[in-house]
Every structure is written in structure tokens, then in C-alpha cells.
């Protein structure tokens, strides 16, 4: 009889405890990052560091943001710099030196439609309802030896992705979704490491990403993150092609034979 009473008491207690919700997880995450006021207090942001796509394909990068949605990025590989900029409204440009005839071109409608996730440097969870995002708490799950809260996010376009938040620190540990590579949508995942404090806000200084089932890991390593720094408005307009710093061709090589 005593065991039955204890079992009944535990059952009633479990039912009385509030269930974990997506809003609970998001609230914990925002507080762990530094709080809503500090997040919204960032007007500009500059990140510099290095990116590695594998041996022989690595180099420095720069990302600049300004509210509400302005963006400027640079990525240099083997002396060639790719530039992307967006004016925060409806115009963007790309300079890709790795194409046969490099030129500054306007972003395609597909690029413009996908630019929001990059330009929203508050992230998808701040004011998520007004952004058209829907959240669903899935369950607890073990990720990299840590207990996490798994959240399903569906954006206003219907795209679905999953976020895993460390149950101890409440910071983001992993993201799963899709990326477009060579006109194909492929499954992708990112893992966030090395969180550091920058002016009262937490940032991951190392992001490792890969296509599940492959062993090639891409790494983005931030060396410096600056907040509320002055950024010239020209950075978010049509860029000028940068001078190439690629190594010259081998002068000792024989000239190519004419066709």
C-alpha cells in the first residue's frame, strides 16, 4: 500500500511539473548569450578570421553587418578574393574571381531570396514570431556526449531545420538543415565550439560543418569579433573588383601549344 501511495504521489508530481517548451529553451538561450537588450544593442558587427575547406583551400575571411539587414563579406583563397555585399533592402552584388570571366554581378533572385538568414545577425530566435518562424520542442537528445534540447524551426518559406541547445549552458551546440551546393539541396550540419564573451555577449569562435556521412570538415575560426564599430556605408553598395594577389604563373613552364 505504501509503495502504491508513493507511486501515485510521484505521478501527480510529474503531471504538475511544467513541460519543457520551445519558448523555455529560446528564453534560456537568449539569456545565456547575454540577454535581449544586449543583443538588440548591437548596431554593427565585424568578424575576421580564417576558413578552411580542406588542404590547399583555406584563407582569411571578413564579415560585416549593420542594422537592419546590411551585409558585406570577403573570402580570400590562394590570393583571390570573393566579395558579396547587400544594401539591406533589395540589391546585392557578387564578385567571384573563380569564374572564367570575373565581374561584379547583381545577386540572382535565388540569392536575394536566401540572403535573409545571413543578414539577420540577431538570429532566427529573437522575435521569431514576427519573422514568421514556427518553433516546436521535439525532445531531449544526446549530442557529442551532452544532453541537448532539440528544437524544430520552420521558417515562413516552409524550410525546416533543427537546433540543439546544450541543456547545461543553454548555448547552441548543433544545427541541422540543408544547403544548396551546385544547384542541389544537400543535408548539412554545423557544430558550435569555443564560446567567448565579447562585450557581454557570447559568440562561438569555431564552427565546424559537414555533409553527414562524409569525413571532410569545413572550419570557420573567428580571430576577432568587434561590436558597434564604424563601418563605411560604401561597404554595402556595389563593390569594386579587388586586385589579384594570386602567385604568378611559372615563367619556366613552356608556352601552351596553339590549337
C-alpha atoms as a PDB file:
ATOM      1  CA  UNK A   1       0.000   0.000   0.000  1.00  0.00           C
ATOM      2  CA  UNK A   2       2.814   2.428   0.869  1.00  0.00           C
ATOM      3  CA  UNK A   3       4.506   1.734  -2.456  1.00  0.00           C
ATOM      4  CA  UNK A   4       1.253   2.395  -4.296  1.00  0.00           C
ATOM      5  CA  UNK A   5       0.797   5.694  -2.455  1.00  0.00           C
ATOM      6  CA  UNK A   6       4.373   6.755  -3.256  1.00  0.00           C
ATOM      7  CA  UNK A   7       3.882   5.842  -6.912  1.00  0.00           C
ATOM      8  CA  UNK A   8       0.668   7.845  -7.040  1.00  0.00           C
ATOM      9  CA  UNK A   9       2.396  10.831  -5.412  1.00  0.00           C
ATOM     10  CA  UNK A  10       5.279  10.763  -7.899  1.00  0.00           C
ATOM     11  CA  UNK A  11       2.810  10.500 -10.798  1.00  0.00           C
ATOM     12  CA  UNK A  12       0.852  13.514  -9.581  1.00  0.00           C
ATOM     13  CA  UNK A  13       4.078  15.471  -9.058  1.00  0.00           C
ATOM     14  CA  UNK A  14       5.303  14.673 -12.555  1.00  0.00           C
ATOM     15  CA  UNK A  15       1.993  15.830 -14.003  1.00  0.00           C
ATOM     16  CA  UNK A  16       2.104  19.052 -12.030  1.00  0.00           C
ATOM     17  CA  UNK A  17       5.609  19.997 -13.238  1.00  0.00           C
ATOM     18  CA  UNK A  18       5.546  22.321 -16.271  1.00  0.00           C
ATOM     19  CA  UNK A  19       6.572  20.616 -19.523  1.00  0.00           C
ATOM     20  CA  UNK A  20       9.613  21.929 -21.389  1.00  0.00           C
ATOM     21  CA  UNK A  21       8.543  24.197 -24.240  1.00  0.00           C
ATOM     22  CA  UNK A  22      10.283  25.764 -27.213  1.00  0.00           C
ATOM     23  CA  UNK A  23       9.802  29.185 -25.620  1.00  0.00           C
ATOM     24  CA  UNK A  24      11.550  27.958 -22.451  1.00  0.00           C
ATOM     25  CA  UNK A  25      14.549  26.832 -24.494  1.00  0.00           C
ATOM     26  CA  UNK A  26      14.696  30.052 -26.508  1.00  0.00           C
ATOM     27  CA  UNK A  27      14.444  32.168 -23.365  1.00  0.00           C
ATOM     28  CA  UNK A  28      17.320  30.248 -21.773  1.00  0.00           C
ATOM     29  CA  UNK A  29      19.399  30.614 -24.917  1.00  0.00           C
ATOM     30  CA  UNK A  30      18.874  34.375 -25.195  1.00  0.00           C
ATOM     31  CA  UNK A  31      19.757  34.846 -21.527  1.00  0.00           C
ATOM     32  CA  UNK A  32      22.849  32.633 -21.879  1.00  0.00           C
ATOM     33  CA  UNK A  33      24.049  34.720 -24.814  1.00  0.00           C
ATOM     34  CA  UNK A  34      23.852  37.891 -22.729  1.00  0.00           C
ATOM     35  CA  UNK A  35      20.231  38.980 -22.762  1.00  0.00           C
ATOM     36  CA  UNK A  36      17.821  40.522 -25.243  1.00  0.00           C
ATOM     37  CA  UNK A  37      18.833  44.119 -24.502  1.00  0.00           C
ATOM     38  CA  UNK A  38      22.497  43.469 -25.278  1.00  0.00           C
ATOM     39  CA  UNK A  39      21.675  41.502 -28.428  1.00  0.00           C
ATOM     40  CA  UNK A  40      19.468  44.287 -29.771  1.00  0.00           C
ATOM     41  CA  UNK A  41      22.021  46.872 -28.671  1.00  0.00           C
ATOM     42  CA  UNK A  42      24.440  45.700 -31.360  1.00  0.00           C
ATOM     43  CA  UNK A  43      24.163  48.080 -34.316  1.00  0.00           C
ATOM     44  CA  UNK A  44      27.194  46.886 -36.281  1.00  0.00           C
ATOM     45  CA  UNK A  45      29.324  43.766 -36.152  1.00  0.00           C
ATOM     46  CA  UNK A  46      32.622  42.797 -37.768  1.00  0.00           C
ATOM     47  CA  UNK A  47      34.087  39.281 -37.694  1.00  0.00           C
ATOM     48  CA  UNK A  48      37.523  38.406 -39.050  1.00  0.00           C
ATOM     49  CA  UNK A  49      39.223  35.050 -39.092  1.00  0.00           C
ATOM     50  CA  UNK A  50      40.107  32.096 -41.293  1.00  0.00           C
ATOM     51  CA  UNK A  51      38.093  29.489 -43.144  1.00  0.00           C
ATOM     52  CA  UNK A  52      39.250  26.060 -44.264  1.00  0.00           C
ATOM     53  CA  UNK A  53      37.531  23.922 -46.883  1.00  0.00           C
ATOM     54  CA  UNK A  54      40.339  21.360 -46.761  1.00  0.00           C
ATOM     55  CA  UNK A  55      44.067  21.162 -47.615  1.00  0.00           C
ATOM     56  CA  UNK A  56      45.060  23.855 -50.115  1.00  0.00           C
ATOM     57  CA  UNK A  57      41.720  25.657 -49.811  1.00  0.00           C
ATOM     58  CA  UNK A  58      41.907  27.962 -46.825  1.00  0.00           C
ATOM     59  CA  UNK A  59      42.333  31.660 -46.184  1.00  0.00           C
ATOM     60  CA  UNK A  60      41.124  34.772 -44.351  1.00  0.00           C
ATOM     61  CA  UNK A  61      37.542  35.998 -44.268  1.00  0.00           C
ATOM     62  CA  UNK A  62      35.712  39.123 -43.168  1.00  0.00           C
ATOM     63  CA  UNK A  63      32.007  39.595 -42.428  1.00  0.00           C
ATOM     64  CA  UNK A  64      30.423  42.968 -41.657  1.00  0.00           C
ATOM     65  CA  UNK A  65      26.803  43.609 -40.616  1.00  0.00           C
ATOM     66  CA  UNK A  66      24.832  46.748 -39.957  1.00  0.00           C
ATOM     67  CA  UNK A  67      21.212  47.051 -38.913  1.00  0.00           C
ATOM     68  CA  UNK A  68      18.738  46.439 -40.179  1.00  0.00           C
ATOM     69  CA  UNK A  69      19.983  43.893 -42.766  1.00  0.00           C
ATOM     70  CA  UNK A  70      23.145  45.181 -44.438  1.00  0.00           C
ATOM     71  CA  UNK A  71      25.943  42.740 -45.239  1.00  0.00           C
ATOM     72  CA  UNK A  72      29.479  42.703 -46.652  1.00  0.00           C
ATOM     73  CA  UNK A  73      31.625  39.563 -46.871  1.00  0.00           C
ATOM     74  CA  UNK A  74      35.085  38.819 -48.230  1.00  0.00           C
ATOM     75  CA  UNK A  75      36.793  35.449 -48.605  1.00  0.00           C
ATOM     76  CA  UNK A  76      40.321  35.048 -49.944  1.00  0.00           C
ATOM     77  CA  UNK A  77      41.614  31.720 -51.259  1.00  0.00           C
ATOM     78  CA  UNK A  78      45.005  31.416 -52.977  1.00  0.00           C
ATOM     79  CA  UNK A  79      45.262  35.174 -53.401  1.00  0.00           C
ATOM     80  CA  UNK A  80      41.830  35.570 -54.993  1.00  0.00           C
ATOM     81  CA  UNK A  81      39.097  37.415 -53.086  1.00  0.00           C
ATOM     82  CA  UNK A  82      35.378  36.767 -53.441  1.00  0.00           C
ATOM     83  CA  UNK A  83      33.141  39.672 -52.365  1.00  0.00           C
ATOM     84  CA  UNK A  84      29.423  39.737 -51.587  1.00  0.00           C
ATOM     85  CA  UNK A  85      27.501  42.799 -50.455  1.00  0.00           C
ATOM     86  CA  UNK A  86      23.851  43.585 -49.763  1.00  0.00           C
ATOM     87  CA  UNK A  87      22.273  47.005 -49.222  1.00  0.00           C
ATOM     88  CA  UNK A  88      19.748  45.795 -46.632  1.00  0.00           C
ATOM     89  CA  UNK A  89      16.794  46.395 -48.946  1.00  0.00           C
ATOM     90  CA  UNK A  90      16.621  44.745 -52.330  1.00  0.00           C
ATOM     91  CA  UNK A  91      20.008  44.898 -54.055  1.00  0.00           C
ATOM     92  CA  UNK A  92      23.067  42.704 -53.720  1.00  0.00           C
ATOM     93  CA  UNK A  93      26.244  42.060 -55.683  1.00  0.00           C
ATOM     94  CA  UNK A  94      28.770  39.271 -56.059  1.00  0.00           C
ATOM     95  CA  UNK A  95      32.316  39.283 -57.341  1.00  0.00           C
ATOM     96  CA  UNK A  96      33.574  35.733 -57.904  1.00  0.00           C
ATOM     97  CA  UNK A  97      37.168  35.566 -59.144  1.00  0.00           C
ATOM     98  CA  UNK A  98      36.931  31.805 -59.606  1.00  0.00           C
ATOM     99  CA  UNK A  99      34.656  32.058 -62.654  1.00  0.00           C
ATOM    100  CA  UNK A 100      36.017  32.122 -66.245  1.00  0.00           C
ATOM    101  CA  UNK A 101      35.197  35.822 -66.701  1.00  0.00           C
ATOM    102  CA  UNK A 102      35.222  37.505 -63.259  1.00  0.00           C
ATOM    103  CA  UNK A 103      32.971  40.537 -62.927  1.00  0.00           C
ATOM    104  CA  UNK A 104      30.804  42.246 -60.333  1.00  0.00           C
ATOM    105  CA  UNK A 105      27.311  40.910 -60.954  1.00  0.00           C
ATOM    106  CA  UNK A 106      23.965  41.542 -59.268  1.00  0.00           C
ATOM    107  CA  UNK A 107      22.734  38.795 -56.988  1.00  0.00           C
ATOM    108  CA  UNK A 108      20.255  36.449 -58.598  1.00  0.00           C
ATOM    109  CA  UNK A 109      16.653  36.308 -57.349  1.00  0.00           C
ATOM    110  CA  UNK A 110      17.543  32.988 -55.709  1.00  0.00           C
ATOM    111  CA  UNK A 111      20.483  34.578 -53.878  1.00  0.00           C
ATOM    112  CA  UNK A 112      18.332  37.503 -52.747  1.00  0.00           C
ATOM    113  CA  UNK A 113      15.617  35.174 -51.508  1.00  0.00           C
ATOM    114  CA  UNK A 114      18.159  33.310 -49.378  1.00  0.00           C
ATOM    115  CA  UNK A 115      20.089  36.328 -48.061  1.00  0.00           C
ATOM    116  CA  UNK A 116      17.894  36.947 -45.015  1.00  0.00           C
ATOM    117  CA  UNK A 117      19.439  34.209 -42.870  1.00  0.00           C
ATOM    118  CA  UNK A 118      22.862  35.813 -43.333  1.00  0.00           C
ATOM    119  CA  UNK A 119      21.785  39.395 -42.779  1.00  0.00           C
ATOM    120  CA  UNK A 120      19.694  38.759 -39.659  1.00  0.00           C
ATOM    121  CA  UNK A 121      22.596  38.710 -37.217  1.00  0.00           C
ATOM    122  CA  UNK A 122      20.195  38.576 -34.244  1.00  0.00           C
ATOM    123  CA  UNK A 123      19.469  35.038 -35.402  1.00  0.00           C
ATOM    124  CA  UNK A 124      16.152  33.276 -36.014  1.00  0.00           C
ATOM    125  CA  UNK A 125      15.073  33.112 -32.347  1.00  0.00           C
ATOM    126  CA  UNK A 126      14.950  36.789 -31.424  1.00  0.00           C
ATOM    127  CA  UNK A 127      11.398  37.976 -32.213  1.00  0.00           C
ATOM    128  CA  UNK A 128      10.898  34.680 -34.014  1.00  0.00           C
ATOM    129  CA  UNK A 129       7.122  35.024 -34.319  1.00  0.00           C
ATOM    130  CA  UNK A 130       7.293  38.377 -36.097  1.00  0.00           C
ATOM    131  CA  UNK A 131       9.811  36.830 -38.526  1.00  0.00           C
ATOM    132  CA  UNK A 132       7.314  34.147 -39.451  1.00  0.00           C
ATOM    133  CA  UNK A 133       9.244  31.325 -37.754  1.00  0.00           C
ATOM    134  CA  UNK A 134       7.433  28.471 -36.022  1.00  0.00           C
ATOM    135  CA  UNK A 135       9.120  26.507 -33.237  1.00  0.00           C
ATOM    136  CA  UNK A 136       8.429  23.056 -31.866  1.00  0.00           C
ATOM    137  CA  UNK A 137      10.115  21.371 -28.923  1.00  0.00           C
ATOM    138  CA  UNK A 138      10.997  17.829 -30.036  1.00  0.00           C
ATOM    139  CA  UNK A 139      12.759  16.150 -27.116  1.00  0.00           C
ATOM    140  CA  UNK A 140      15.999  15.809 -25.223  1.00  0.00           C
ATOM    141  CA  UNK A 141      18.799  14.193 -27.214  1.00  0.00           C
ATOM    142  CA  UNK A 142      22.425  13.265 -26.604  1.00  0.00           C
ATOM    143  CA  UNK A 143      24.801  15.148 -28.914  1.00  0.00           C
ATOM    144  CA  UNK A 144      28.582  14.835 -28.638  1.00  0.00           C
ATOM    145  CA  UNK A 145      28.206  13.400 -25.153  1.00  0.00           C
ATOM    146  CA  UNK A 146      25.998  16.256 -23.953  1.00  0.00           C
ATOM    147  CA  UNK A 147      22.302  16.422 -23.169  1.00  0.00           C
ATOM    148  CA  UNK A 148      20.587  18.853 -25.518  1.00  0.00           C
ATOM    149  CA  UNK A 149      17.135  20.270 -26.165  1.00  0.00           C
ATOM    150  CA  UNK A 150      16.108  19.664 -29.780  1.00  0.00           C
ATOM    151  CA  UNK A 151      14.039  22.398 -31.425  1.00  0.00           C
ATOM    152  CA  UNK A 152      12.407  22.213 -34.848  1.00  0.00           C
ATOM    153  CA  UNK A 153      12.238  25.537 -36.703  1.00  0.00           C
ATOM    154  CA  UNK A 154      10.017  26.072 -39.737  1.00  0.00           C
ATOM    155  CA  UNK A 155      10.535  29.434 -41.432  1.00  0.00           C
ATOM    156  CA  UNK A 156       7.944  31.389 -43.368  1.00  0.00           C
ATOM    157  CA  UNK A 157       9.042  29.716 -46.609  1.00  0.00           C
ATOM    158  CA  UNK A 158       8.383  26.295 -45.126  1.00  0.00           C
ATOM    159  CA  UNK A 159      12.047  25.307 -44.801  1.00  0.00           C
ATOM    160  CA  UNK A 160      12.714  23.069 -41.790  1.00  0.00           C
ATOM    161  CA  UNK A 161      15.872  22.921 -39.684  1.00  0.00           C
ATOM    162  CA  UNK A 162      16.781  21.563 -36.259  1.00  0.00           C
ATOM    163  CA  UNK A 163      18.708  23.248 -33.451  1.00  0.00           C
ATOM    164  CA  UNK A 164      20.272  21.517 -30.455  1.00  0.00           C
ATOM    165  CA  UNK A 165      20.855  23.583 -27.293  1.00  0.00           C
ATOM    166  CA  UNK A 166      23.195  22.436 -24.527  1.00  0.00           C
ATOM    167  CA  UNK A 167      20.978  21.666 -21.523  1.00  0.00           C
ATOM    168  CA  UNK A 168      23.692  22.886 -19.119  1.00  0.00           C
ATOM    169  CA  UNK A 169      24.907  26.095 -20.754  1.00  0.00           C
ATOM    170  CA  UNK A 170      21.751  26.767 -22.827  1.00  0.00           C
ATOM    171  CA  UNK A 171      24.000  27.797 -25.732  1.00  0.00           C
ATOM    172  CA  UNK A 172      23.595  26.434 -29.256  1.00  0.00           C
ATOM    173  CA  UNK A 173      25.576  23.244 -29.816  1.00  0.00           C
ATOM    174  CA  UNK A 174      24.457  21.989 -33.230  1.00  0.00           C
ATOM    175  CA  UNK A 175      22.367  22.881 -36.287  1.00  0.00           C
ATOM    176  CA  UNK A 176      20.962  20.525 -38.926  1.00  0.00           C
ATOM    177  CA  UNK A 177      19.357  21.543 -42.179  1.00  0.00           C
ATOM    178  CA  UNK A 178      20.034  21.805 -45.906  1.00  0.00           C
ATOM    179  CA  UNK A 179      22.452  23.820 -48.011  1.00  0.00           C
ATOM    180  CA  UNK A 180      22.431  24.478 -51.725  1.00  0.00           C
ATOM    181  CA  UNK A 181      25.579  23.168 -53.401  1.00  0.00           C
ATOM    182  CA  UNK A 182      25.890  23.219 -57.194  1.00  0.00           C
ATOM    183  CA  UNK A 183      22.134  23.630 -57.652  1.00  0.00           C
ATOM    184  CA  UNK A 184      21.406  20.697 -55.329  1.00  0.00           C
ATOM    185  CA  UNK A 185      19.925  20.758 -51.838  1.00  0.00           C
ATOM    186  CA  UNK A 186      22.060  18.590 -49.554  1.00  0.00           C
ATOM    187  CA  UNK A 187      21.792  17.731 -45.891  1.00  0.00           C
ATOM    188  CA  UNK A 188      24.210  19.751 -43.768  1.00  0.00           C
ATOM    189  CA  UNK A 189      25.153  20.155 -40.131  1.00  0.00           C
ATOM    190  CA  UNK A 190      27.163  22.650 -38.085  1.00  0.00           C
ATOM    191  CA  UNK A 191      28.668  22.273 -34.610  1.00  0.00           C
ATOM    192  CA  UNK A 192      29.495  25.330 -32.491  1.00  0.00           C
ATOM    193  CA  UNK A 193      32.581  25.433 -30.234  1.00  0.00           C
ATOM    194  CA  UNK A 194      34.733  27.786 -28.187  1.00  0.00           C
ATOM    195  CA  UNK A 195      32.174  30.293 -26.896  1.00  0.00           C
ATOM    196  CA  UNK A 196      33.758  33.517 -25.677  1.00  0.00           C
ATOM    197  CA  UNK A 197      32.494  36.746 -24.186  1.00  0.00           C
ATOM    198  CA  UNK A 198      32.593  39.834 -26.407  1.00  0.00           C
ATOM    199  CA  UNK A 199      31.306  42.988 -24.718  1.00  0.00           C
ATOM    200  CA  UNK A 200      28.901  40.943 -22.616  1.00  0.00           C
ATOM    201  CA  UNK A 201      27.652  38.670 -25.423  1.00  0.00           C
ATOM    202  CA  UNK A 202      28.614  35.044 -26.069  1.00  0.00           C
ATOM    203  CA  UNK A 203      29.868  34.053 -29.526  1.00  0.00           C
ATOM    204  CA  UNK A 204      31.121  30.750 -30.942  1.00  0.00           C
ATOM    205  CA  UNK A 205      34.667  31.314 -32.217  1.00  0.00           C
ATOM    206  CA  UNK A 206      34.810  27.959 -34.033  1.00  0.00           C
ATOM    207  CA  UNK A 207      32.157  26.452 -36.293  1.00  0.00           C
ATOM    208  CA  UNK A 208      32.702  23.036 -37.869  1.00  0.00           C
ATOM    209  CA  UNK A 209      30.396  21.975 -40.685  1.00  0.00           C
ATOM    210  CA  UNK A 210      29.998  18.980 -42.969  1.00  0.00           C
ATOM    211  CA  UNK A 211      27.643  16.916 -45.035  1.00  0.00           C
ATOM    212  CA  UNK A 212      26.568  13.944 -42.880  1.00  0.00           C
ATOM    213  CA  UNK A 213      28.204  10.718 -43.974  1.00  0.00           C
ATOM    214  CA  UNK A 214      31.361  12.425 -45.207  1.00  0.00           C
ATOM    215  CA  UNK A 215      34.640  12.906 -43.358  1.00  0.00           C
ATOM    216  CA  UNK A 216      35.587  16.301 -44.796  1.00  0.00           C
ATOM    217  CA  UNK A 217      35.017  19.012 -42.176  1.00  0.00           C
ATOM    218  CA  UNK A 218      34.954  22.701 -43.039  1.00  0.00           C
ATOM    219  CA  UNK A 219      36.091  25.049 -40.295  1.00  0.00           C
ATOM    220  CA  UNK A 220      35.344  28.714 -39.691  1.00  0.00           C
ATOM    221  CA  UNK A 221      37.592  30.173 -36.998  1.00  0.00           C
ATOM    222  CA  UNK A 222      36.989  33.699 -35.755  1.00  0.00           C
ATOM    223  CA  UNK A 223      40.104  35.547 -34.655  1.00  0.00           C
ATOM    224  CA  UNK A 224      38.344  38.770 -33.702  1.00  0.00           C
ATOM    225  CA  UNK A 225      34.727  39.890 -33.234  1.00  0.00           C
ATOM    226  CA  UNK A 226      34.026  43.626 -32.940  1.00  0.00           C
ATOM    227  CA  UNK A 227      30.704  45.175 -31.977  1.00  0.00           C
ATOM    228  CA  UNK A 228      29.381  48.672 -32.657  1.00  0.00           C
ATOM    229  CA  UNK A 229      32.362  49.688 -34.765  1.00  0.00           C
ATOM    230  CA  UNK A 230      32.047  52.324 -37.518  1.00  0.00           C
ATOM    231  CA  UNK A 231      31.534  50.809 -40.986  1.00  0.00           C
ATOM    232  CA  UNK A 232      31.519  52.942 -44.130  1.00  0.00           C
ATOM    233  CA  UNK A 233      28.190  52.831 -45.988  1.00  0.00           C
ATOM    234  CA  UNK A 234      30.014  52.106 -49.248  1.00  0.00           C
ATOM    235  CA  UNK A 235      30.746  48.626 -47.925  1.00  0.00           C
ATOM    236  CA  UNK A 236      27.101  47.701 -48.552  1.00  0.00           C
ATOM    237  CA  UNK A 237      26.908  49.005 -52.120  1.00  0.00           C
ATOM    238  CA  UNK A 238      28.278  47.634 -55.389  1.00  0.00           C
ATOM    239  CA  UNK A 239      31.926  46.655 -54.755  1.00  0.00           C
ATOM    240  CA  UNK A 240      34.938  47.221 -56.946  1.00  0.00           C
ATOM    241  CA  UNK A 241      36.888  44.140 -58.062  1.00  0.00           C
ATOM    242  CA  UNK A 242      39.940  43.790 -55.809  1.00  0.00           C
ATOM    243  CA  UNK A 243      43.450  43.469 -57.234  1.00  0.00           C
ATOM    244  CA  UNK A 244      44.564  39.862 -57.521  1.00  0.00           C
ATOM    245  CA  UNK A 245      47.366  38.724 -55.226  1.00  0.00           C
ATOM    246  CA  UNK A 246      47.497  35.236 -56.712  1.00  0.00           C
ATOM    247  CA  UNK A 247      51.031  33.941 -57.339  1.00  0.00           C
ATOM    248  CA  UNK A 248      52.237  34.487 -60.920  1.00  0.00           C
ATOM    249  CA  UNK A 249      52.379  31.600 -63.343  1.00  0.00           C
ATOM    250  CA  UNK A 250      55.626  29.651 -63.515  1.00  0.00           C
ATOM    251  CA  UNK A 251      57.756  31.528 -66.051  1.00  0.00           C
ATOM    252  CA  UNK A 252      59.885  28.438 -66.632  1.00  0.00           C
ATOM    253  CA  UNK A 253      56.924  26.455 -67.901  1.00  0.00           C
ATOM    254  CA  UNK A 254      56.815  26.004 -71.708  1.00  0.00           C
ATOM    255  CA  UNK A 255      54.202  28.065 -73.542  1.00  0.00           C
ATOM    256  CA  UNK A 256      50.973  26.347 -74.417  1.00  0.00           C
ATOM    257  CA  UNK A 257      50.752  24.998 -77.964  1.00  0.00           C
ATOM    258  CA  UNK A 258      48.226  26.731 -80.186  1.00  0.00           C
ATOM    259  CA  UNK A 259      45.127  24.725 -81.098  1.00  0.00           C
END
